[in-house]
Amino acid sequence: MERILKRGAPWLVALLAACTGSQPFPPGSLVTGVWGTQGAGLMADDTSAHVHVACTYGNLHQPLVTDPSGQFDLSGEYNITAHPVDLGILHPARFTGSIHGRKMALTVQLTDTAVTVGPVTLTFEVDPVMGPCPICFGPRMRAAEASRRR
């Protein structure tokens, strides 16, 4: 490598730096932090994750860990009827997807109905833009945001 750099290949250094920085969660790792896009978000720590897609939400009560190929398939719960009145009906659900670089593909499948939410594509360290939905900035979202900013 040193020989290549001496022969005038500074582009290789930039390429290697870009590749290293674009993979914050290599396959087989614990996934944490805030992931967002327009209308969807995921906040994860080392024990759980909270998801919002439009005016729906759900929870994983376990760490979000990818397999060696960067994919995940985890069980949790999801509230598909959270708006306009949240009755607190949580359905068993599968959270499936994959992580490639700073992008996460996420789909939620309720296991007791035929309802599927997503797929959505979230970006690491991008704040979710949730729009006018009144449930999206409840205590859980505020707490996750406050702890992330500490």
Protein backbone atom coordinates (compact mmCIF):
# COMPACT_ATOMS: atom_id res chain seq x y z
CA MET A 1 0.00 0.00 0.00
CA GLU A 2 2.82 2.39 0.88
CA ARG A 3 4.35 1.79 -2.56
CA ILE A 4 1.02 2.61 -4.26
CA LEU A 5 0.72 5.86 -2.29
CA LYS A 6 4.26 6.88 -3.20
CA ARG A 7 3.47 6.30 -6.88
CA GLY A 8 0.84 9.03 -6.87
CA ALA A 9 -2.42 7.43 -5.77
CA PRO A 10 -3.80 9.87 -3.16
CA TRP A 11 -7.29 8.97 -4.41
CA LEU A 12 -6.80 5.57 -2.73
CA VAL A 13 -6.48 7.21 0.70
CA ALA A 14 -9.71 9.14 0.11
CA LEU A 15 -11.45 5.99 -1.11
CA LEU A 16 -10.36 3.96 1.91
CA ALA A 17 -11.40 6.72 4.31
CA ALA A 18 -14.80 6.99 2.65
CA CYS A 19 -15.37 3.24 2.84
CA THR A 20 -14.40 3.06 6.49
CA GLY A 21 -16.62 5.96 7.50
CA SER A 22 -19.67 4.75 5.58
CA GLN A 23 -20.06 1.50 7.55
CA PRO A 24 -20.86 2.54 11.15
CA PHE A 25 -22.43 -0.86 11.89
CA PRO A 26 -20.60 -3.73 10.22
CA PRO A 27 -22.58 -6.94 9.68
CA GLY A 28 -23.09 -8.89 12.91
CA SER A 29 -23.07 -5.83 15.17
CA LEU A 30 -25.32 -4.09 17.68
CA VAL A 31 -27.24 -1.24 16.02
CA THR A 32 -27.86 1.93 18.03
CA GLY A 33 -28.63 5.61 17.53
CA VAL A 34 -31.21 7.63 15.66
CA TRP A 35 -32.24 6.64 12.13
CA GLY A 36 -34.66 8.81 10.19
CA THR A 37 -36.34 9.97 7.02
CA GLN A 38 -39.48 11.86 6.06
CA GLY A 39 -42.35 10.23 7.96
CA ALA A 40 -40.37 7.50 9.76
CA GLY A 41 -37.81 7.07 12.50
CA LEU A 42 -36.09 4.52 14.69
CA MET A 43 -34.31 5.16 17.99
CA ALA A 44 -32.21 2.26 19.32
CA ASP A 45 -29.97 1.73 22.33
CA ASP A 46 -28.18 -1.37 23.57
CA THR A 47 -31.37 -2.93 25.02
CA SER A 48 -34.31 -1.91 22.81
CA ALA A 49 -35.62 0.15 19.89
CA HIS A 50 -38.64 2.37 19.24
CA VAL A 51 -40.07 2.84 15.73
CA HIS A 52 -42.49 5.36 14.20
CA VAL A 53 -43.84 5.12 10.67
CA ALA A 54 -46.44 7.80 9.90
CA CYS A 55 -48.96 7.75 12.77
CA THR A 56 -48.08 4.23 13.92
CA TYR A 57 -45.43 3.02 16.34
CA GLY A 58 -43.83 -0.06 17.79
CA ASN A 59 -41.15 -1.42 20.07
CA LEU A 60 -38.43 -4.01 20.15
CA HIS A 61 -37.73 -5.18 23.70
CA GLN A 62 -34.34 -6.54 22.75
CA PRO A 63 -31.18 -5.20 21.14
CA LEU A 64 -31.25 -4.68 17.39
CA VAL A 65 -28.41 -6.89 16.17
CA THR A 66 -27.70 -7.79 12.55
CA ASP A 67 -26.59 -11.20 11.32
CA PRO A 68 -23.30 -11.70 9.42
CA SER A 69 -24.96 -10.52 6.18
CA GLY A 70 -26.25 -7.26 7.75
CA GLN A 71 -29.88 -8.42 8.02
CA PHE A 72 -32.21 -8.62 11.01
CA ASP A 73 -35.48 -10.36 11.84
CA LEU A 74 -36.71 -9.60 15.35
CA SER A 75 -39.98 -9.87 17.22
CA GLY A 76 -41.68 -6.96 18.91
CA GLU A 77 -45.01 -5.19 19.14
CA TYR A 78 -46.68 -2.62 16.94
CA ASN A 79 -49.66 -0.26 17.22
CA ILE A 80 -51.15 0.22 13.77
CA THR A 81 -54.20 2.15 15.06
CA ALA A 82 -52.45 4.76 17.16
CA HIS A 83 -54.19 7.73 15.55
CA PRO A 84 -56.61 9.49 15.89
CA VAL A 85 -57.24 7.83 19.28
CA ASP A 86 -54.54 5.55 20.68
CA LEU A 87 -56.36 2.64 22.32
CA GLY A 88 -53.08 1.00 23.25
CA ILE A 89 -53.66 -2.08 21.08
CA LEU A 90 -50.24 -3.59 20.50
CA HIS A 91 -50.02 -6.40 17.95
CA PRO A 92 -47.21 -8.96 17.86
CA ALA A 93 -44.93 -8.07 14.98
CA ARG A 94 -41.76 -8.99 13.08
CA PHE A 95 -39.26 -6.23 12.37
CA THR A 96 -37.20 -7.24 9.36
CA GLY A 97 -34.65 -5.48 7.25
CA SER A 98 -31.03 -4.87 6.51
CA ILE A 99 -28.29 -2.32 7.02
CA HIS A 100 -25.86 -1.32 4.29
CA GLY A 101 -23.52 1.52 5.18
CA ARG A 102 -25.61 4.31 6.72
CA LYS A 103 -28.95 3.06 5.28
CA MET A 104 -31.46 0.77 6.92
CA ALA A 105 -34.34 -0.91 5.07
CA LEU A 106 -37.14 -1.68 7.54
CA THR A 107 -40.45 -3.53 7.22
CA VAL A 108 -42.88 -4.34 10.02
CA GLN A 109 -45.27 -7.28 9.59
CA LEU A 110 -48.03 -7.73 12.15
CA THR A 111 -48.12 -11.45 12.87
CA ASP A 112 -51.77 -11.64 13.93
CA THR A 113 -53.13 -9.78 10.87
CA ALA A 114 -52.15 -9.29 7.24
CA VAL A 115 -50.94 -5.72 7.86
CA THR A 116 -47.47 -4.68 6.70
CA VAL A 117 -45.87 -1.32 7.39
CA GLY A 118 -43.10 -0.27 5.03
CA PRO A 119 -40.67 -0.87 3.68
CA VAL A 120 -39.06 2.41 4.65
CA THR A 121 -35.46 3.46 4.15
CA LEU A 122 -33.89 5.19 7.16
CA THR A 123 -30.54 6.96 7.35
CA PHE A 124 -28.22 6.81 10.36
CA GLU A 125 -27.88 10.10 12.30
CA VAL A 126 -30.69 11.74 10.32
CA ASP A 127 -33.47 13.09 12.52
CA PRO A 128 -36.93 11.74 11.68
CA VAL A 129 -39.26 14.33 10.13
CA MET A 130 -42.61 13.16 11.39
CA GLY A 131 -44.94 15.84 10.06
CA PRO A 132 -48.26 16.75 11.60
CA CYS A 133 -48.98 13.45 13.41
CA PRO A 134 -49.78 14.34 17.04
CA ILE A 135 -48.47 11.06 18.51
CA CYS A 136 -44.96 11.39 17.15
CA PHE A 137 -43.60 13.76 19.72
CA GLY A 138 -44.90 12.02 22.83
CA PRO A 139 -42.86 11.22 25.93
CA ARG A 140 -40.97 8.32 24.34
CA MET A 141 -39.81 10.37 21.36
CA ARG A 142 -38.80 13.30 23.59
CA ALA A 143 -36.94 11.01 26.00
CA ALA A 144 -35.07 9.27 23.19
CA GLU A 145 -34.13 12.61 21.68
CA ALA A 146 -33.03 14.05 25.04
CA SER A 147 -30.83 11.05 25.87
CA ARG A 148 -29.32 11.07 22.37
CA ARG A 149 -28.29 14.73 22.70
CA ARG A 150 -26.52 14.25 26.07
